[in-house]
Amino acid sequence: MLQQHQQQQQQQHQQQQQQQQQQQQQQQQQQQQALQQSLQQTLQVSQAQAQAIVQAQAALQQQVAQTLQQQQQTLHEQLQAVQQQQIQAALQRQSATLQELQHQAQQQALLAQAQATVKQKMPRARAYNKPRGRMTAYAFFVQTCREEHKKKHPDENVVFAAFSKKCAERWNTMSEKEKQRFHEMAEQDKRRFDLEMQNYVPPKDMKVRGRKRQQMKDPNAPKRSLSAFFWFCNDERSKVKANNPEYTMGDIAKELGRRWAAADPETKSKYESLSEQDKARYDREMTAYKKGPLALTQQQAAVVPDVDEDGDFDAEEEYK
């Protein structure tokens, strides 16, 4: 009986162990299933997150590309605007330069026309290639009026007295701005005349015309002072000749006049200072000369220039 009872207990114990093992196996299987489900869910979430990241990266790249494209477009438009502004500024400068050149060309044409008319009015030959006399601003104005009137009324005979009176009345009513171009023409013609007279040396045996005679100059008399423009010419003339050996005397005079007109104030101030110093020197020497024993009488020492009808001066010493 005891032995049977023990066997039964052993069987029960074995059954309990088997049940426990089965329960453990079931629990393990359930845990594995739960773990697999959890892993699958985690994997699905990771895949979803990865897909979201990829989509976000693609959207970011697209946004960056759009931003870069917009920036490039903006820069291109700004560059075009700057280039257009530069082109417009360059065109404006060219237009201003062209207008200035046209203005200068008109002045030169008027000057040449006036000079040609003067030559026609005064056809007599100039002895010894003497430079043509300079014209005043009013003379250029009258000449221009005469040419304009001749173009409008080519067959009309002009009464000189009446025409001159009308020109004088018109000149007196003009503003300084309207007179400016004629003053510029006169100034340019004066520079031409001064340069040509500076280079002009009449023959020693030249006969003086008319009743006015040029007296002998005292060799002890002080040398006349030079203007700022003449001092400038003394420095620049050799340079112009060296750079332009084919230039005539008239060409050299025009080039020197152009250089003087284009000179900056500092350069002109230098020669104006030289002119002032030379004038002070001349005044001192002339004062001493007049007091000295070698001075001639006023009639002997005076140099009387022979003035032609065209305004030329025959006094050689004025331009030495």
C-alpha atoms as a PDB file:
ATOM      1  CA  MET A   1       0.000   0.000   0.000  1.00  0.00           C
ATOM      2  CA  LEU A   2       2.751   2.359   0.918  1.00  0.00           C
ATOM      3  CA  GLN A   3       4.567   1.608  -2.247  1.00  0.00           C
ATOM      4  CA  GLN A   4       1.510   2.315  -4.366  1.00  0.00           C
ATOM      5  CA  HIS A   5       0.947   5.515  -2.547  1.00  0.00           C
ATOM      6  CA  GLN A   6       4.514   6.612  -3.299  1.00  0.00           C
ATOM      7  CA  GLN A   7       4.128   5.712  -6.938  1.00  0.00           C
ATOM      8  CA  GLN A   8       0.979   7.751  -7.159  1.00  0.00           C
ATOM      9  CA  GLN A   9       2.709  10.696  -5.584  1.00  0.00           C
ATOM     10  CA  GLN A  10       5.579  10.361  -8.014  1.00  0.00           C
ATOM     11  CA  GLN A  11       3.167  10.225 -10.927  1.00  0.00           C
ATOM     12  CA  GLN A  12       1.343  13.278  -9.649  1.00  0.00           C
ATOM     13  CA  HIS A  13       4.611  15.058  -9.161  1.00  0.00           C
ATOM     14  CA  GLN A  14       5.696  14.176 -12.700  1.00  0.00           C
ATOM     15  CA  GLN A  15       2.359  15.342 -14.052  1.00  0.00           C
ATOM     16  CA  GLN A  16       2.723  18.615 -12.178  1.00  0.00           C
ATOM     17  CA  GLN A  17       6.212  19.052 -13.565  1.00  0.00           C
ATOM     18  CA  GLN A  18       4.982  18.304 -17.061  1.00  0.00           C
ATOM     19  CA  GLN A  19       2.170  20.804 -16.606  1.00  0.00           C
ATOM     20  CA  GLN A  20       4.610  23.385 -15.345  1.00  0.00           C
ATOM     21  CA  GLN A  21       6.903  22.725 -18.287  1.00  0.00           C
ATOM     22  CA  GLN A  22       3.991  23.017 -20.661  1.00  0.00           C
ATOM     23  CA  GLN A  23       2.942  26.269 -19.011  1.00  0.00           C
ATOM     24  CA  GLN A  24       6.485  27.583 -19.212  1.00  0.00           C
ATOM     25  CA  GLN A  25       6.691  26.599 -22.855  1.00  0.00           C
ATOM     26  CA  GLN A  26       3.385  28.334 -23.525  1.00  0.00           C
ATOM     27  CA  GLN A  27       4.579  31.421 -21.691  1.00  0.00           C
ATOM     28  CA  GLN A  28       7.821  31.397 -23.656  1.00  0.00           C
ATOM     29  CA  GLN A  29       5.901  31.016 -26.888  1.00  0.00           C
ATOM     30  CA  GLN A  30       3.615  33.870 -25.904  1.00  0.00           C
ATOM     31  CA  GLN A  31       6.608  36.015 -24.982  1.00  0.00           C
ATOM     32  CA  GLN A  32       8.299  35.196 -28.277  1.00  0.00           C
ATOM     33  CA  GLN A  33       5.134  36.046 -30.167  1.00  0.00           C
ATOM     34  CA  ALA A  34       4.784  39.293 -28.224  1.00  0.00           C
ATOM     35  CA  LEU A  35       8.446  40.087 -28.857  1.00  0.00           C
ATOM     36  CA  GLN A  36       8.058  39.357 -32.568  1.00  0.00           C
ATOM     37  CA  GLN A  37       4.977  41.562 -32.716  1.00  0.00           C
ATOM     38  CA  SER A  38       6.857  44.302 -30.887  1.00  0.00           C
ATOM     39  CA  LEU A  39       9.804  43.970 -33.257  1.00  0.00           C
ATOM     40  CA  GLN A  40       7.484  44.067 -36.241  1.00  0.00           C
ATOM     41  CA  GLN A  41       5.771  47.169 -34.897  1.00  0.00           C
ATOM     42  CA  THR A  42       9.143  48.787 -34.167  1.00  0.00           C
ATOM     43  CA  LEU A  43      10.335  47.891 -37.656  1.00  0.00           C
ATOM     44  CA  GLN A  44       7.179  49.330 -39.174  1.00  0.00           C
ATOM     45  CA  VAL A  45       7.607  52.527 -37.147  1.00  0.00           C
ATOM     46  CA  SER A  46      11.272  52.735 -38.171  1.00  0.00           C
ATOM     47  CA  GLN A  47      10.362  52.231 -41.799  1.00  0.00           C
ATOM     48  CA  ALA A  48       7.691  54.911 -41.522  1.00  0.00           C
ATOM     49  CA  GLN A  49      10.150  57.260 -39.843  1.00  0.00           C
ATOM     50  CA  ALA A  50      12.788  56.523 -42.483  1.00  0.00           C
ATOM     51  CA  GLN A  51      10.268  57.175 -45.219  1.00  0.00           C
ATOM     52  CA  ALA A  52       9.239  60.418 -43.522  1.00  0.00           C
ATOM     53  CA  ILE A  53      12.896  61.441 -43.244  1.00  0.00           C
ATOM     54  CA  VAL A  54      13.451  60.683 -46.928  1.00  0.00           C
ATOM     55  CA  GLN A  55      10.380  62.703 -47.848  1.00  0.00           C
ATOM     56  CA  ALA A  56      11.525  65.555 -45.601  1.00  0.00           C
ATOM     57  CA  GLN A  57      14.979  65.485 -47.181  1.00  0.00           C
ATOM     58  CA  ALA A  58      13.451  65.525 -50.649  1.00  0.00           C
ATOM     59  CA  ALA A  59      11.205  68.450 -49.691  1.00  0.00           C
ATOM     60  CA  LEU A  60      14.180  70.278 -48.155  1.00  0.00           C
ATOM     61  CA  GLN A  61      16.282  69.710 -51.260  1.00  0.00           C
ATOM     62  CA  GLN A  62      13.447  70.984 -53.418  1.00  0.00           C
ATOM     63  CA  GLN A  63      13.051  74.041 -51.193  1.00  0.00           C
ATOM     64  CA  VAL A  64      16.801  74.697 -51.274  1.00  0.00           C
ATOM     65  CA  ALA A  65      16.806  74.344 -55.053  1.00  0.00           C
ATOM     66  CA  GLN A  66      13.895  76.772 -55.347  1.00  0.00           C
ATOM     67  CA  THR A  67      15.620  79.231 -53.000  1.00  0.00           C
ATOM     68  CA  LEU A  68      18.851  79.011 -54.989  1.00  0.00           C
ATOM     69  CA  GLN A  69      16.953  79.501 -58.221  1.00  0.00           C
ATOM     70  CA  GLN A  70      15.167  82.546 -56.797  1.00  0.00           C
ATOM     71  CA  GLN A  71      18.457  83.977 -55.531  1.00  0.00           C
ATOM     72  CA  GLN A  72      20.102  83.398 -58.915  1.00  0.00           C
ATOM     73  CA  GLN A  73      17.163  85.064 -60.635  1.00  0.00           C
ATOM     74  CA  THR A  74      17.349  88.020 -58.229  1.00  0.00           C
ATOM     75  CA  LEU A  75      21.110  88.358 -58.720  1.00  0.00           C
ATOM     76  CA  HIS A  76      20.675  88.151 -62.479  1.00  0.00           C
ATOM     77  CA  GLU A  77      18.027  90.879 -62.405  1.00  0.00           C
ATOM     78  CA  GLN A  78      20.196  93.055 -60.147  1.00  0.00           C
ATOM     79  CA  LEU A  79      23.191  92.520 -62.442  1.00  0.00           C
ATOM     80  CA  GLN A  80      21.113  93.448 -65.472  1.00  0.00           C
ATOM     81  CA  ALA A  81      19.859  96.566 -63.687  1.00  0.00           C
ATOM     82  CA  VAL A  82      23.421  97.598 -62.772  1.00  0.00           C
ATOM     83  CA  GLN A  83      24.613  96.937 -66.319  1.00  0.00           C
ATOM     84  CA  GLN A  84      21.737  98.972 -67.728  1.00  0.00           C
ATOM     85  CA  GLN A  85      22.569 101.834 -65.359  1.00  0.00           C
ATOM     86  CA  GLN A  86      26.222 101.676 -66.386  1.00  0.00           C
ATOM     87  CA  ILE A  87      25.262 101.600 -70.060  1.00  0.00           C
ATOM     88  CA  GLN A  88      22.906 104.552 -69.596  1.00  0.00           C
ATOM     89  CA  ALA A  89      25.604 106.483 -67.727  1.00  0.00           C
ATOM     90  CA  ALA A  90      28.114 105.709 -70.488  1.00  0.00           C
ATOM     91  CA  LEU A  91      25.607 106.785 -73.134  1.00  0.00           C
ATOM     92  CA  GLN A  92      24.939 110.007 -71.250  1.00  0.00           C
ATOM     93  CA  ARG A  93      28.686 110.708 -71.031  1.00  0.00           C
ATOM     94  CA  GLN A  94      29.084 109.968 -74.728  1.00  0.00           C
ATOM     95  CA  SER A  95      26.112 112.206 -75.507  1.00  0.00           C
ATOM     96  CA  ALA A  96      27.596 115.022 -73.423  1.00  0.00           C
ATOM     97  CA  THR A  97      30.966 114.560 -75.119  1.00  0.00           C
ATOM     98  CA  LEU A  98      29.303 114.525 -78.528  1.00  0.00           C
ATOM     99  CA  GLN A  99      27.394 117.708 -77.718  1.00  0.00           C
ATOM    100  CA  GLU A 100      30.604 119.371 -76.561  1.00  0.00           C
ATOM    101  CA  LEU A 101      32.377 118.283 -79.750  1.00  0.00           C
ATOM    102  CA  GLN A 102      29.466 119.538 -81.832  1.00  0.00           C
ATOM    103  CA  HIS A 103      29.576 122.846 -79.958  1.00  0.00           C
ATOM    104  CA  GLN A 104      33.306 123.140 -80.587  1.00  0.00           C
ATOM    105  CA  ALA A 105      32.823 122.179 -84.229  1.00  0.00           C
ATOM    106  CA  GLN A 106      30.137 124.845 -84.606  1.00  0.00           C
ATOM    107  CA  GLN A 107      32.411 127.434 -83.033  1.00  0.00           C
ATOM    108  CA  GLN A 108      35.283 126.424 -85.282  1.00  0.00           C
ATOM    109  CA  ALA A 109      32.982 126.492 -88.306  1.00  0.00           C
ATOM    110  CA  LEU A 110      31.733 129.959 -87.377  1.00  0.00           C
ATOM    111  CA  LEU A 111      35.301 131.079 -86.767  1.00  0.00           C
ATOM    112  CA  ALA A 112      36.463 129.656 -90.098  1.00  0.00           C
ATOM    113  CA  GLN A 113      33.475 131.208 -91.848  1.00  0.00           C
ATOM    114  CA  ALA A 114      34.153 134.581 -90.272  1.00  0.00           C
ATOM    115  CA  GLN A 115      37.843 134.351 -91.126  1.00  0.00           C
ATOM    116  CA  ALA A 116      37.039 133.403 -94.714  1.00  0.00           C
ATOM    117  CA  THR A 117      34.657 136.348 -94.999  1.00  0.00           C
ATOM    118  CA  VAL A 118      37.251 138.700 -93.572  1.00  0.00           C
ATOM    119  CA  LYS A 119      39.732 137.440 -96.149  1.00  0.00           C
ATOM    120  CA  GLN A 120      37.172 138.060 -98.885  1.00  0.00           C
ATOM    121  CA  LYS A 121      36.504 141.573 -97.625  1.00  0.00           C
ATOM    122  CA  MET A 122      40.218 142.302 -97.350  1.00  0.00           C
ATOM    123  CA  PRO A 123      41.793 140.612-100.353  1.00  0.00           C
ATOM    124  CA  ARG A 124      44.985 142.646-100.299  1.00  0.00           C
ATOM    125  CA  ALA A 125      48.102 140.578 -99.752  1.00  0.00           C
ATOM    126  CA  ARG A 126      49.850 140.721 -96.422  1.00  0.00           C
ATOM    127  CA  ALA A 127      53.451 141.720 -96.723  1.00  0.00           C
ATOM    128  CA  TYR A 128      56.020 139.241 -95.448  1.00  0.00           C
ATOM    129  CA  ASN A 129      53.342 136.678 -94.352  1.00  0.00           C
ATOM    130  CA  LYS A 130      52.231 138.992 -91.594  1.00  0.00           C
ATOM    131  CA  PRO A 131      49.576 137.368 -89.306  1.00  0.00           C
ATOM    132  CA  ARG A 132      45.986 138.428 -89.813  1.00  0.00           C
ATOM    133  CA  GLY A 133      44.649 140.812 -87.165  1.00  0.00           C
ATOM    134  CA  ARG A 134      42.455 139.518 -84.380  1.00  0.00           C
ATOM    135  CA  MET A 135      38.690 140.057 -84.307  1.00  0.00           C
ATOM    136  CA  THR A 136      36.576 141.185 -81.373  1.00  0.00           C
ATOM    137  CA  ALA A 137      33.462 139.432 -80.077  1.00  0.00           C
ATOM    138  CA  TYR A 138      31.300 142.150 -81.620  1.00  0.00           C
ATOM    139  CA  ALA A 139      33.031 141.715 -84.974  1.00  0.00           C
ATOM    140  CA  PHE A 140      32.246 137.985 -84.912  1.00  0.00           C
ATOM    141  CA  PHE A 141      28.651 138.828 -84.006  1.00  0.00           C
ATOM    142  CA  VAL A 142      28.289 141.281 -86.904  1.00  0.00           C
ATOM    143  CA  GLN A 143      29.882 138.782 -89.260  1.00  0.00           C
ATOM    144  CA  THR A 144      27.460 136.053 -88.130  1.00  0.00           C
ATOM    145  CA  CYS A 145      24.476 138.387 -88.553  1.00  0.00           C
ATOM    146  CA  ARG A 146      25.679 139.305 -92.028  1.00  0.00           C
ATOM    147  CA  GLU A 147      25.980 135.639 -93.047  1.00  0.00           C
ATOM    148  CA  GLU A 148      22.535 134.803 -91.634  1.00  0.00           C
ATOM    149  CA  HIS A 149      20.978 137.776 -93.407  1.00  0.00           C
ATOM    150  CA  LYS A 150      22.704 136.819 -96.648  1.00  0.00           C
ATOM    151  CA  LYS A 151      21.331 133.264 -96.434  1.00  0.00           C
ATOM    152  CA  LYS A 152      17.777 134.501 -95.825  1.00  0.00           C
ATOM    153  CA  HIS A 153      17.944 137.323 -98.402  1.00  0.00           C
ATOM    154  CA  PRO A 154      20.603 136.370-100.979  1.00  0.00           C
ATOM    155  CA  ASP A 155      19.457 138.926-103.577  1.00  0.00           C
ATOM    156  CA  GLU A 156      18.994 141.887-101.245  1.00  0.00           C
ATOM    157  CA  ASN A 157      21.450 144.782-101.249  1.00  0.00           C
ATOM    158  CA  VAL A 158      22.390 145.566 -97.656  1.00  0.00           C
ATOM    159  CA  VAL A 159      22.735 149.203 -96.630  1.00  0.00           C
ATOM    160  CA  PHE A 160      25.803 149.127 -94.403  1.00  0.00           C
ATOM    161  CA  ALA A 161      24.798 152.029 -92.136  1.00  0.00           C
ATOM    162  CA  ALA A 162      21.311 150.678 -91.407  1.00  0.00           C
ATOM    163  CA  PHE A 163      22.583 147.138 -91.014  1.00  0.00           C
ATOM    164  CA  SER A 164      25.304 148.237 -88.580  1.00  0.00           C
ATOM    165  CA  LYS A 165      22.765 150.189 -86.533  1.00  0.00           C
ATOM    166  CA  LYS A 166      20.484 147.149 -86.244  1.00  0.00           C
ATOM    167  CA  CYS A 167      23.421 144.956 -85.236  1.00  0.00           C
ATOM    168  CA  ALA A 168      24.444 147.431 -82.543  1.00  0.00           C
ATOM    169  CA  GLU A 169      20.889 147.605 -81.181  1.00  0.00           C
ATOM    170  CA  ARG A 170      20.619 143.822 -81.117  1.00  0.00           C
ATOM    171  CA  TRP A 171      24.042 143.450 -79.467  1.00  0.00           C
ATOM    172  CA  ASN A 172      23.092 145.909 -76.712  1.00  0.00           C
ATOM    173  CA  THR A 173      19.925 143.946 -75.876  1.00  0.00           C
ATOM    174  CA  MET A 174      21.642 140.534 -75.770  1.00  0.00           C
ATOM    175  CA  SER A 175      22.405 138.831 -72.444  1.00  0.00           C
ATOM    176  CA  GLU A 176      25.915 137.846 -71.418  1.00  0.00           C
ATOM    177  CA  LYS A 177      24.985 134.203 -71.957  1.00  0.00           C
ATOM    178  CA  GLU A 178      24.021 134.941 -75.579  1.00  0.00           C
ATOM    179  CA  LYS A 179      27.272 136.858 -76.100  1.00  0.00           C
ATOM    180  CA  GLN A 180      29.384 134.092 -74.540  1.00  0.00           C
ATOM    181  CA  ARG A 181      30.042 132.118 -77.750  1.00  0.00           C
ATOM    182  CA  PHE A 182      31.240 135.243 -79.549  1.00  0.00           C
ATOM    183  CA  HIS A 183      33.572 136.062 -76.658  1.00  0.00           C
ATOM    184  CA  GLU A 184      34.923 132.501 -76.860  1.00  0.00           C
ATOM    185  CA  MET A 185      35.516 132.898 -80.590  1.00  0.00           C
ATOM    186  CA  ALA A 186      37.300 136.209 -79.983  1.00  0.00           C
ATOM    187  CA  GLU A 187      39.439 134.671 -77.236  1.00  0.00           C
ATOM    188  CA  GLN A 188      40.415 131.785 -79.501  1.00  0.00           C
ATOM    189  CA  ASP A 189      41.266 134.198 -82.319  1.00  0.00           C
ATOM    190  CA  LYS A 190      43.301 136.338 -79.898  1.00  0.00           C
ATOM    191  CA  ARG A 191      45.363 133.317 -78.855  1.00  0.00           C
ATOM    192  CA  ARG A 192      45.946 132.520 -82.519  1.00  0.00           C
ATOM    193  CA  PHE A 193      47.000 136.094 -83.246  1.00  0.00           C
ATOM    194  CA  ASP A 194      49.301 136.298 -80.223  1.00  0.00           C
ATOM    195  CA  LEU A 195      51.033 133.052 -81.131  1.00  0.00           C
ATOM    196  CA  GLU A 196      51.480 133.988 -84.773  1.00  0.00           C
ATOM    197  CA  MET A 197      52.792 137.434 -83.856  1.00  0.00           C
ATOM    198  CA  GLN A 198      55.180 135.867 -81.366  1.00  0.00           C
ATOM    199  CA  ASN A 199      56.672 133.748 -84.151  1.00  0.00           C
ATOM    200  CA  TYR A 200      56.495 136.537 -86.743  1.00  0.00           C
ATOM    201  CA  VAL A 201      59.786 138.306 -87.480  1.00  0.00           C
ATOM    202  CA  PRO A 202      59.551 141.005 -90.200  1.00  0.00           C
ATOM    203  CA  PRO A 203      62.597 141.692 -92.398  1.00  0.00           C
ATOM    204  CA  LYS A 204      65.019 144.274 -91.106  1.00  0.00           C
ATOM    205  CA  ASP A 205      64.730 146.326 -94.311  1.00  0.00           C
ATOM    206  CA  MET A 206      60.934 146.397 -94.122  1.00  0.00           C
ATOM    207  CA  LYS A 207      59.480 149.736 -95.209  1.00  0.00           C
ATOM    208  CA  VAL A 208      56.822 151.334 -93.031  1.00  0.00           C
ATOM    209  CA  ARG A 209      53.600 152.275 -94.838  1.00  0.00           C
ATOM    210  CA  GLY A 210      51.560 155.424 -94.263  1.00  0.00           C
ATOM    211  CA  ARG A 211      52.362 158.622 -92.448  1.00  0.00           C
ATOM    212  CA  LYS A 212      53.001 156.837 -89.125  1.00  0.00           C
ATOM    213  CA  ARG A 213      56.607 155.777 -88.738  1.00  0.00           C
ATOM    214  CA  GLN A 214      58.063 153.307 -86.285  1.00  0.00           C
ATOM    215  CA  GLN A 215      60.879 155.014 -84.448  1.00  0.00           C
ATOM    216  CA  MET A 216      64.184 153.372 -83.599  1.00  0.00           C
ATOM    217  CA  LYS A 217      64.046 151.494 -80.309  1.00  0.00           C
ATOM    218  CA  ASP A 218      66.638 152.277 -77.655  1.00  0.00           C
ATOM    219  CA  PRO A 219      68.795 149.107 -77.234  1.00  0.00           C
ATOM    220  CA  ASN A 220      69.168 149.980 -73.540  1.00  0.00           C
ATOM    221  CA  ALA A 221      65.413 150.011 -72.943  1.00  0.00           C
ATOM    222  CA  PRO A 222      64.084 147.184 -70.714  1.00  0.00           C
ATOM    223  CA  LYS A 223      62.659 144.117 -72.382  1.00  0.00           C
ATOM    224  CA  ARG A 224      58.881 144.075 -72.269  1.00  0.00           C
ATOM    225  CA  SER A 225      57.192 141.646 -69.862  1.00  0.00           C
ATOM    226  CA  LEU A 226      55.513 138.500 -71.167  1.00  0.00           C
ATOM    227  CA  SER A 227      51.985 137.336 -70.415  1.00  0.00           C
ATOM    228  CA  ALA A 228      51.214 134.040 -68.683  1.00  0.00           C
ATOM    229  CA  PHE A 229      50.201 132.556 -72.028  1.00  0.00           C
ATOM    230  CA  PHE A 230      53.568 133.486 -73.595  1.00  0.00           C
ATOM    231  CA  TRP A 231      55.467 131.898 -70.685  1.00  0.00           C
ATOM    232  CA  PHE A 232      53.390 128.757 -71.213  1.00  0.00           C
ATOM    233  CA  CYS A 233      54.178 128.801 -74.947  1.00  0.00           C
ATOM    234  CA  ASN A 234      57.912 129.130 -74.280  1.00  0.00           C
ATOM    235  CA  ASP A 235      57.797 125.824 -72.370  1.00  0.00           C
ATOM    236  CA  GLU A 236      55.389 123.936 -74.631  1.00  0.00           C
ATOM    237  CA  ARG A 237      56.424 125.080 -78.130  1.00  0.00           C
ATOM    238  CA  SER A 238      59.452 122.782 -78.344  1.00  0.00           C
ATOM    239  CA  LYS A 239      57.335 119.828 -77.190  1.00  0.00           C
ATOM    240  CA  VAL A 240      54.700 120.503 -79.843  1.00  0.00           C
ATOM    241  CA  LYS A 241      57.367 120.799 -82.556  1.00  0.00           C
ATOM    242  CA  ALA A 242      59.080 117.584 -81.412  1.00  0.00           C
ATOM    243  CA  ASN A 243      55.841 115.578 -81.343  1.00  0.00           C
ATOM    244  CA  ASN A 244      54.502 117.087 -84.583  1.00  0.00           C
ATOM    245  CA  PRO A 245      57.401 117.939 -86.918  1.00  0.00           C
ATOM    246  CA  GLU A 246      55.007 118.367 -89.846  1.00  0.00           C
ATOM    247  CA  TYR A 247      53.057 121.184 -88.135  1.00  0.00           C
ATOM    248  CA  THR A 248      53.112 124.651 -89.670  1.00  0.00           C
ATOM    249  CA  MET A 249      53.358 127.821 -87.600  1.00  0.00           C
ATOM    250  CA  GLY A 250      49.564 128.125 -87.627  1.00  0.00           C
ATOM    251  CA  ASP A 251      49.119 124.498 -86.528  1.00  0.00           C
ATOM    252  CA  ILE A 252      51.560 125.021 -83.658  1.00  0.00           C
ATOM    253  CA  ALA A 253      49.670 128.148 -82.612  1.00  0.00           C
ATOM    254  CA  LYS A 254      46.348 126.288 -82.604  1.00  0.00           C
ATOM    255  CA  GLU A 255      47.795 123.381 -80.597  1.00  0.00           C
ATOM    256  CA  LEU A 256      49.346 125.736 -78.037  1.00  0.00           C
ATOM    257  CA  GLY A 257      46.035 127.567 -77.727  1.00  0.00           C
ATOM    258  CA  ARG A 258      44.213 124.277 -77.219  1.00  0.00           C
ATOM    259  CA  ARG A 259      46.681 123.145 -74.555  1.00  0.00           C
ATOM    260  CA  TRP A 260      46.406 126.449 -72.717  1.00  0.00           C
ATOM    261  CA  ALA A 261      42.598 126.274 -72.757  1.00  0.00           C
ATOM    262  CA  ALA A 262      42.730 122.696 -71.394  1.00  0.00           C
ATOM    263  CA  ALA A 263      45.363 123.460 -68.734  1.00  0.00           C
ATOM    264  CA  ASP A 264      44.294 123.042 -65.102  1.00  0.00           C
ATOM    265  CA  PRO A 265      44.175 126.062 -62.742  1.00  0.00           C
ATOM    266  CA  GLU A 266      47.347 124.951 -60.959  1.00  0.00           C
ATOM    267  CA  THR A 267      49.332 124.997 -64.217  1.00  0.00           C
ATOM    268  CA  LYS A 268      47.928 128.383 -65.220  1.00  0.00           C
ATOM    269  CA  SER A 269      48.674 129.760 -61.757  1.00  0.00           C
ATOM    270  CA  LYS A 270      52.338 128.851 -62.227  1.00  0.00           C
ATOM    271  CA  TYR A 271      52.638 130.884 -65.435  1.00  0.00           C
ATOM    272  CA  GLU A 272      50.528 133.730 -64.079  1.00  0.00           C
ATOM    273  CA  SER A 273      53.010 133.970 -61.217  1.00  0.00           C
ATOM    274  CA  LEU A 274      55.883 134.103 -63.731  1.00  0.00           C
ATOM    275  CA  SER A 275      54.044 136.823 -65.645  1.00  0.00           C
ATOM    276  CA  GLU A 276      53.530 138.886 -62.488  1.00  0.00           C
ATOM    277  CA  GLN A 277      57.202 138.547 -61.559  1.00  0.00           C
ATOM    278  CA  ASP A 278      58.231 139.565 -65.075  1.00  0.00           C
ATOM    279  CA  LYS A 279      55.901 142.564 -64.992  1.00  0.00           C
ATOM    280  CA  ALA A 280      57.371 143.666 -61.656  1.00  0.00           C
ATOM    281  CA  ARG A 281      60.836 143.300 -63.196  1.00  0.00           C
ATOM    282  CA  TYR A 282      59.820 145.377 -66.197  1.00  0.00           C
ATOM    283  CA  ASP A 283      58.314 148.108 -63.998  1.00  0.00           C
ATOM    284  CA  ARG A 284      61.483 148.317 -61.895  1.00  0.00           C
ATOM    285  CA  GLU A 285      63.773 148.426 -64.917  1.00  0.00           C
ATOM    286  CA  MET A 286      61.584 150.948 -66.719  1.00  0.00           C
ATOM    287  CA  THR A 287      61.592 153.251 -63.681  1.00  0.00           C
ATOM    288  CA  ALA A 288      65.372 153.058 -63.499  1.00  0.00           C
ATOM    289  CA  TYR A 289      65.640 153.459 -67.270  1.00  0.00           C
ATOM    290  CA  LYS A 290      63.575 156.643 -67.300  1.00  0.00           C
ATOM    291  CA  LYS A 291      65.793 158.135 -64.601  1.00  0.00           C
ATOM    292  CA  GLY A 292      69.073 157.089 -66.238  1.00  0.00           C
ATOM    293  CA  PRO A 293      71.286 159.227 -68.477  1.00  0.00           C
ATOM    294  CA  LEU A 294      70.833 156.922 -71.466  1.00  0.00           C
ATOM    295  CA  ALA A 295      67.119 157.529 -71.713  1.00  0.00           C
ATOM    296  CA  LEU A 296      66.017 159.152 -74.938  1.00  0.00           C
ATOM    297  CA  THR A 297      63.443 161.838 -75.145  1.00  0.00           C
ATOM    298  CA  GLN A 298      59.856 160.728 -75.135  1.00  0.00           C
ATOM    299  CA  GLN A 299      59.634 161.306 -78.867  1.00  0.00           C
ATOM    300  CA  GLN A 300      62.774 159.261 -79.586  1.00  0.00           C
ATOM    301  CA  ALA A 301      62.107 156.420 -77.180  1.00  0.00           C
ATOM    302  CA  ALA A 302      58.422 155.943 -77.968  1.00  0.00           C
ATOM    303  CA  VAL A 303      57.520 153.097 -80.276  1.00  0.00           C
ATOM    304  CA  VAL A 304      54.541 154.053 -82.371  1.00  0.00           C
ATOM    305  CA  PRO A 305      52.850 150.980 -83.891  1.00  0.00           C
ATOM    306  CA  ASP A 306      51.514 151.187 -87.395  1.00  0.00           C
ATOM    307  CA  VAL A 307      47.852 150.161 -87.185  1.00  0.00           C
ATOM    308  CA  ASP A 308      46.250 148.846 -90.367  1.00  0.00           C
ATOM    309  CA  GLU A 309      42.571 149.003 -91.201  1.00  0.00           C
ATOM    310  CA  ASP A 310      42.240 145.336 -90.214  1.00  0.00           C
ATOM    311  CA  GLY A 311      43.667 145.865 -86.736  1.00  0.00           C
ATOM    312  CA  ASP A 312      47.183 144.496 -87.371  1.00  0.00           C
ATOM    313  CA  PHE A 313      50.151 145.893 -85.492  1.00  0.00           C
ATOM    314  CA  ASP A 314      53.481 146.452 -87.192  1.00  0.00           C
ATOM    315  CA  ALA A 315      55.427 147.009 -83.953  1.00  0.00           C
ATOM    316  CA  GLU A 316      57.950 144.180 -83.949  1.00  0.00           C
ATOM    317  CA  GLU A 317      59.099 144.653 -80.370  1.00  0.00           C
ATOM    318  CA  GLU A 318      55.617 143.962 -79.023  1.00  0.00           C
ATOM    319  CA  TYR A 319      56.053 140.270 -79.858  1.00  0.00           C
ATOM    320  CA  LYS A 320      59.744 139.581 -79.428  1.00  0.00           C
END
